[in-house]
Amino acid sequence: MVYTDGTYLIADSARELELFVKQNKLPREHLNSASYFPYYLIPKDYLYRVIENGGKVISAKELREIGIRKYRDQQT
């Protein structure tokens, strides 16, 4: 699953995020895969494309909670 709060894009796995970015022809320079949990900073011109192609819109709080949970899962 791919999630967005309208600014950031995250996914259930780094692979899924990279595939979504590639399949939707999003600019790769906005992809940060070096952090503890990979994310994509969505350029405003691409937000509609992200949502139209399956990005689930959630609140910033929910996005943060998912990121924290994924980080904790990776640590165990």
Protein backbone atom coordinates (compact mmCIF):
# COMPACT_ATOMS: atom_id res chain seq x y z
CA MET A 1 0.00 0.00 0.00
CA VAL A 2 1.19 3.54 -0.79
CA TYR A 3 0.17 6.41 1.51
CA THR A 4 0.27 10.20 1.22
CA ASP A 5 -0.60 13.17 3.37
CA GLY A 6 -0.38 15.42 0.31
CA THR A 7 3.28 16.25 0.91
CA TYR A 8 5.03 12.94 1.57
CA LEU A 9 4.60 9.52 0.04
CA ILE A 10 5.52 6.33 1.88
CA ALA A 11 4.81 2.66 1.24
CA ASP A 12 4.79 -0.65 3.05
CA SER A 13 8.28 -1.35 1.69
CA ALA A 14 11.13 0.52 0.03
CA ARG A 15 10.71 -1.67 -3.06
CA GLU A 16 7.02 -0.80 -3.34
CA LEU A 17 7.80 2.92 -3.03
CA GLU A 18 10.50 2.76 -5.71
CA LEU A 19 8.20 0.84 -8.07
CA PHE A 20 5.36 3.33 -7.55
CA VAL A 21 7.71 6.25 -8.29
CA LYS A 22 9.02 4.52 -11.42
CA GLN A 23 5.63 3.34 -12.73
CA ASN A 24 4.12 6.80 -12.30
CA LYS A 25 7.12 8.58 -13.85
CA LEU A 26 7.67 10.75 -10.78
CA PRO A 27 10.98 12.68 -10.62
CA ARG A 28 13.46 10.39 -8.80
CA GLU A 29 15.37 13.29 -7.25
CA HIS A 30 12.54 13.66 -4.71
CA LEU A 31 13.00 10.06 -3.50
CA ASN A 32 14.86 9.75 -0.19
CA SER A 33 15.78 6.12 0.29
CA ALA A 34 18.74 6.87 2.59
CA SER A 35 16.65 7.62 5.67
CA TYR A 36 15.64 4.97 8.20
CA PHE A 37 12.30 4.79 6.42
CA PRO A 38 12.26 5.73 2.72
CA TYR A 39 9.90 8.48 1.62
CA TYR A 40 9.14 10.60 -1.41
CA LEU A 41 8.56 14.35 -1.29
CA ILE A 42 5.73 14.95 -3.76
CA PRO A 43 6.07 17.94 -6.10
CA LYS A 44 2.71 19.77 -6.17
CA ASP A 45 2.37 19.14 -9.91
CA TYR A 46 2.38 15.37 -9.27
CA LEU A 47 0.00 15.07 -6.32
CA TYR A 48 -3.03 14.43 -8.53
CA ARG A 49 -1.16 11.63 -10.33
CA VAL A 50 -0.19 10.02 -7.01
CA ILE A 51 -3.79 9.99 -5.76
CA GLU A 52 -5.26 8.96 -9.11
CA ASN A 53 -2.91 5.98 -9.28
CA GLY A 54 -3.57 4.51 -5.86
CA GLY A 55 -1.95 6.69 -3.23
CA LYS A 56 -4.17 6.44 -0.15
CA VAL A 57 -4.73 9.89 1.36
CA ILE A 58 -4.29 9.94 5.13
CA SER A 59 -3.50 12.59 7.73
CA ALA A 60 0.05 13.67 8.53
CA LYS A 61 -0.39 12.12 11.98
CA GLU A 62 -1.37 8.75 10.46
CA LEU A 63 1.56 8.94 8.03
CA ARG A 64 3.97 9.55 10.91
CA GLU A 65 2.50 6.64 12.90
CA ILE A 66 2.90 4.28 9.93
CA GLY A 67 6.50 5.41 9.50
CA ILE A 68 7.27 4.85 13.18
CA ARG A 69 5.63 1.42 13.14
CA LYS A 70 7.59 0.40 10.02
CA TYR A 71 10.83 1.62 11.60
CA ARG A 72 10.16 -0.38 14.75
CA ASP A 73 9.35 -3.48 12.68
CA GLN A 74 12.70 -3.15 10.91
CA GLN A 75 14.54 -2.96 14.25
CA THR A 76 13.20 -6.29 15.54
